[in-house]
């Protein structure tokens, strides 16, 4: 259960980072 929770958290963090990177990329282009 704990592993599943951490995996879910990691996926959420990855999605947020990807979103931020895309936003920054859009600003510079």
C-alpha atoms as a PDB file:
ATOM      1  CA  UNK A   1       0.000   0.000   0.000  1.00  0.00           C
ATOM      2  CA  UNK A   2       2.781   2.404   0.918  1.00  0.00           C
ATOM      3  CA  UNK A   3       4.632   1.617  -2.305  1.00  0.00           C
ATOM      4  CA  UNK A   4       1.502   2.284  -4.351  1.00  0.00           C
ATOM      5  CA  UNK A   5       0.997   5.617  -2.598  1.00  0.00           C
ATOM      6  CA  UNK A   6       4.587   6.693  -3.255  1.00  0.00           C
ATOM      7  CA  UNK A   7       4.300   5.619  -6.893  1.00  0.00           C
ATOM      8  CA  UNK A   8       1.153   7.735  -7.241  1.00  0.00           C
ATOM      9  CA  UNK A   9       2.850  10.720  -5.621  1.00  0.00           C
ATOM     10  CA  UNK A  10       5.838  10.353  -7.937  1.00  0.00           C
ATOM     11  CA  UNK A  11       3.557  10.272 -10.973  1.00  0.00           C
ATOM     12  CA  UNK A  12       1.799  13.433  -9.778  1.00  0.00           C
ATOM     13  CA  UNK A  13       5.100  15.237  -9.239  1.00  0.00           C
ATOM     14  CA  UNK A  14       6.316  14.181 -12.689  1.00  0.00           C
ATOM     15  CA  UNK A  15       3.111  15.500 -14.277  1.00  0.00           C
ATOM     16  CA  UNK A  16       3.471  18.841 -12.476  1.00  0.00           C
ATOM     17  CA  UNK A  17       7.113  19.205 -13.478  1.00  0.00           C
ATOM     18  CA  UNK A  18       6.248  18.397 -17.092  1.00  0.00           C
ATOM     19  CA  UNK A  19       3.488  21.026 -16.999  1.00  0.00           C
ATOM     20  CA  UNK A  20       5.834  23.688 -15.590  1.00  0.00           C
ATOM     21  CA  UNK A  21       8.531  22.889 -18.149  1.00  0.00           C
ATOM     22  CA  UNK A  22       6.011  23.131 -20.993  1.00  0.00           C
ATOM     23  CA  UNK A  23       4.738  26.469 -19.671  1.00  0.00           C
ATOM     24  CA  UNK A  24       8.292  27.866 -19.514  1.00  0.00           C
ATOM     25  CA  UNK A  25       9.011  26.511 -22.973  1.00  0.00           C
ATOM     26  CA  UNK A  26       5.924  28.284 -24.316  1.00  0.00           C
ATOM     27  CA  UNK A  27       7.024  31.566 -22.760  1.00  0.00           C
ATOM     28  CA  UNK A  28      10.405  31.483 -24.472  1.00  0.00           C
ATOM     29  CA  UNK A  29       9.063  30.593 -27.913  1.00  0.00           C
END
